[in-house]
Protein backbone atom coordinates (compact mmCIF):
# COMPACT_ATOMS: atom_id res chain seq x y z
CA MET A 1 -118.07 10.75 -68.37
CA PHE A 2 -116.78 14.34 -68.46
CA ASN A 3 -118.47 17.55 -67.45
CA LYS A 4 -119.79 19.59 -70.39
CA ASN A 5 -117.14 22.29 -69.81
CA ILE A 6 -114.31 19.75 -69.84
CA LYS A 7 -115.61 18.43 -73.18
CA LEU A 8 -115.48 21.94 -74.58
CA VAL A 9 -111.90 22.45 -73.34
CA LEU A 10 -110.87 19.09 -74.84
CA PHE A 11 -112.47 20.09 -78.16
CA ILE A 12 -110.53 23.37 -78.24
CA ALA A 13 -107.29 21.63 -77.25
CA CYS A 14 -107.69 18.99 -79.98
CA ILE A 15 -108.41 21.60 -82.64
CA ALA A 16 -105.46 23.73 -81.52
CA TYR A 17 -103.15 20.71 -81.64
CA ALA A 18 -104.58 19.75 -85.04
CA ILE A 19 -103.70 23.22 -86.36
CA TYR A 20 -100.20 22.80 -84.96
CA GLN A 21 -99.92 19.42 -86.72
CA PHE A 22 -101.08 20.98 -90.01
CA ILE A 23 -98.45 23.73 -89.66
CA GLU A 24 -95.76 21.09 -89.04
CA SER A 25 -96.93 19.27 -92.23
CA TYR A 26 -98.31 16.25 -90.36
CA ILE A 27 -101.59 16.30 -92.24
CA GLY A 28 -102.74 12.81 -91.14
CA ASN A 29 -102.21 13.61 -87.47
CA GLY A 30 -104.01 16.91 -87.92
CA ILE A 31 -107.02 15.19 -89.48
CA MET A 32 -107.06 12.62 -86.67
CA PHE A 33 -107.09 15.37 -84.00
CA VAL A 34 -109.84 17.25 -85.83
CA LEU A 35 -111.96 14.07 -85.75
CA ILE A 36 -111.21 13.51 -82.06
CA GLY A 37 -112.11 17.15 -81.36
CA LEU A 38 -115.37 16.79 -83.27
CA THR A 39 -116.17 13.73 -81.15
CA PHE A 40 -115.85 15.85 -78.00
CA LEU A 41 -118.01 18.55 -79.60
CA PHE A 42 -120.66 15.95 -80.48
CA LEU A 43 -120.62 14.64 -76.91
CA TYR A 44 -120.98 18.21 -75.65
CA TYR A 45 -124.38 18.43 -77.37
CA LYS A 46 -125.39 14.77 -77.01
CA ASN A 47 -124.54 13.30 -73.62
CA GLU A 48 -123.17 9.77 -73.90
CA PHE A 49 -125.13 8.47 -70.89
CA ILE A 50 -128.41 9.77 -72.29
CA LEU A 51 -127.64 8.17 -75.66
CA LEU A 52 -126.91 4.84 -73.97
CA ALA A 53 -130.07 5.16 -71.84
CA PHE A 54 -132.13 5.67 -75.02
CA LEU A 55 -130.58 2.53 -76.51
CA LYS A 56 -131.52 0.53 -73.41
CA LEU A 57 -135.03 1.99 -73.44
CA ARG A 58 -135.42 1.01 -77.08
CA LYS A 59 -134.68 -2.59 -76.08
CA GLN A 60 -137.25 -2.33 -73.24
CA ASP A 61 -134.46 -2.76 -70.67
CA PHE A 62 -135.78 -0.41 -67.98
CA ALA A 63 -133.22 -1.48 -65.39
CA GLY A 64 -130.41 -0.74 -67.85
CA THR A 65 -131.96 2.62 -68.69
CA GLU A 66 -132.16 3.53 -65.02
CA ALA A 67 -128.56 2.38 -64.51
CA TRP A 68 -127.27 4.69 -67.26
CA LEU A 69 -129.33 7.62 -65.99
CA SER A 70 -128.07 7.10 -62.46
CA LYS A 71 -124.51 7.65 -63.70
CA ILE A 72 -125.37 11.32 -64.26
CA LYS A 73 -124.70 12.70 -60.80
CA ASN A 74 -125.64 16.39 -61.10
CA PRO A 75 -127.78 16.95 -64.22
CA GLN A 76 -128.06 20.73 -63.74
CA SER A 77 -124.32 21.34 -64.03
CA ALA A 78 -123.27 18.35 -66.14
CA LEU A 79 -125.84 18.71 -68.93
CA THR A 80 -126.91 21.39 -71.37
CA LYS A 81 -130.50 22.65 -71.26
CA LYS A 82 -131.77 20.27 -73.98
CA GLN A 83 -129.94 17.34 -72.37
CA GLN A 84 -131.64 18.18 -69.06
CA GLY A 85 -134.94 18.06 -70.95
CA TYR A 86 -134.18 14.58 -72.27
CA TYR A 87 -132.93 13.48 -68.85
CA ASN A 88 -136.27 14.51 -67.33
CA PHE A 89 -138.14 12.92 -70.25
CA LEU A 90 -136.41 9.57 -69.65
CA LYS A 91 -136.91 9.83 -65.88
CA GLY A 92 -140.60 10.52 -66.49
CA ILE A 93 -140.91 7.42 -68.65
CA MET A 94 -139.15 5.35 -66.00
CA VAL A 95 -141.37 6.42 -63.10
CA SER A 96 -144.66 6.75 -65.01
CA GLN A 97 -145.60 3.14 -64.21
CA THR A 98 -145.19 3.54 -60.46
CA ASN A 99 -145.51 7.20 -59.42
CA MET A 100 -147.74 9.48 -61.50
CA ASN A 101 -147.00 12.61 -59.45
CA ALA A 102 -143.25 12.27 -59.97
CA ALA A 103 -143.77 11.38 -63.64
CA GLU A 104 -145.88 14.52 -64.12
CA LYS A 105 -143.14 16.63 -62.55
CA PHE A 106 -140.47 15.09 -64.81
CA PHE A 107 -142.55 15.47 -67.97
CA LYS A 108 -143.40 19.11 -67.16
CA ASN A 109 -139.71 19.83 -66.58
CA ALA A 110 -138.87 18.16 -69.89
CA VAL A 111 -141.43 20.27 -71.76
CA ASN A 112 -140.24 23.48 -70.04
CA LEU A 113 -136.55 22.76 -70.71
CA GLY A 114 -137.28 21.79 -74.29
CA LEU A 115 -136.85 18.70 -76.40
CA SER A 116 -135.25 18.98 -79.82
CA MET A 117 -137.50 16.56 -81.68
CA ASP A 118 -141.19 17.28 -82.20
CA HIS A 119 -142.23 13.66 -81.72
CA ASP A 120 -140.43 13.55 -78.34
CA LEU A 121 -142.28 16.68 -77.27
CA ALA A 122 -145.53 15.14 -78.54
CA MET A 123 -144.82 11.98 -76.51
CA ALA A 124 -144.19 14.04 -73.36
CA LYS A 125 -147.42 16.00 -73.87
CA LEU A 126 -149.33 12.78 -74.57
CA ASN A 127 -148.06 11.34 -71.28
CA LEU A 128 -149.00 14.57 -69.49
CA ALA A 129 -152.48 14.36 -71.04
CA GLY A 130 -152.86 10.80 -69.76
CA ILE A 131 -151.80 11.84 -66.28
CA ALA A 132 -154.13 14.86 -66.31
CA PHE A 133 -157.02 12.67 -67.51
CA THR A 134 -156.31 10.15 -64.75
CA LYS A 135 -156.38 12.98 -62.20
CA ARG A 136 -159.76 14.14 -63.63
CA ARG A 137 -158.45 17.34 -65.20
CA LYS A 138 -160.29 16.87 -68.47
CA LEU A 139 -159.78 20.35 -69.99
CA GLU A 140 -156.03 20.22 -69.42
CA ALA A 141 -155.91 16.70 -70.85
CA GLN A 142 -157.79 17.81 -73.99
CA ARG A 143 -155.49 20.80 -74.46
CA LEU A 144 -152.36 18.67 -74.08
CA LEU A 145 -153.79 16.01 -76.38
CA SER A 146 -154.48 18.55 -79.14
CA GLU A 147 -150.95 19.98 -78.72
CA ALA A 148 -149.52 16.47 -78.98
CA GLN A 149 -151.54 15.84 -82.13
CA LYS A 150 -150.23 19.07 -83.72
CA LEU A 151 -146.65 18.12 -82.88
CA ASP A 152 -147.03 14.59 -84.26
CA LYS A 153 -146.40 15.51 -87.89
CA ARG A 154 -145.31 12.02 -88.95
CA ASN A 155 -148.30 10.30 -87.30
CA MET A 156 -146.03 8.20 -85.08
CA LEU A 157 -148.41 8.60 -82.13
CA SER A 158 -151.69 8.68 -84.04
CA GLU A 159 -152.90 5.34 -82.62
CA GLN A 160 -152.16 6.36 -79.02
CA ILE A 161 -153.82 9.75 -79.53
CA LYS A 162 -156.87 8.08 -81.07
CA MET A 163 -157.13 5.63 -78.16
CA MET A 164 -156.81 8.45 -75.62
CA LYS A 165 -159.59 10.43 -77.36
CA GLN A 166 -161.84 7.35 -77.31
CA GLN A 167 -161.19 6.83 -73.60
CA MET A 168 -161.98 10.49 -72.92
CA LYS A 169 -165.26 10.19 -74.86
CA LYS A 170 -166.23 7.04 -72.95
CA ALA A 171 -165.54 8.75 -69.63
CA SER A 172 -167.55 11.86 -70.53
CA VAL A 173 -170.67 9.97 -71.70
CA PRO A 174 -172.73 8.83 -68.69
CA ASN A 175 -173.57 5.15 -68.65
CA GLN A 176 -177.16 5.02 -69.87
CA HIS A 177 -177.50 1.28 -69.42
CA PHE A 178 -176.84 1.57 -65.70
CA GLY A 179 -180.16 3.34 -65.05
CA GLN A 180 -182.11 0.91 -67.21
CA GLY A 181 -180.52 -2.06 -65.48
CA ASN A 182 -181.65 -0.87 -62.06
CA ALA A 183 -185.16 -0.19 -63.31
CA GLY A 184 -185.35 -3.71 -64.73
CA ARG A 185 -184.35 -5.24 -61.40
CA ARG A 186 -187.05 -3.43 -59.46
CA ARG A 187 -189.87 -5.15 -61.31
């Protein structure tokens, strides 16, 4: 809605007017302006479009998520560093089904910019591990998978990590039955 700098100016203006209201003995008005100012401060650190995009993603509404993300016109200037990380994280989730190269770029940007929650960072690294494994970069995939497992302190991603490890083991073990099957056919 507003640029991050405008939110900061509105916060300062609301607090200044709240102080003025307290001096004039309008305590109720002062409290109201403090609350309004704190709302602008909250929205400075948590972008409203990213919050709404997360709500849509939680409901599996990918079109709605993309619609809210598209309302952010210039993420580099409109968002703080952590918000840019979450913007890239959401963009990576959105394109991971169709374009793995773009998804990898978004997830790497999200990890580099930083995500505030450990489980979000673990999810980004898990997705990067899956992409690396798909592109046959096994060592990178194993490293990212172990990092994701360390970050997943609440075991929210334990099933996905376990499945990924099983898939990596299956891919690394050569198919022994294939050679026996061909030998059986030759007889």
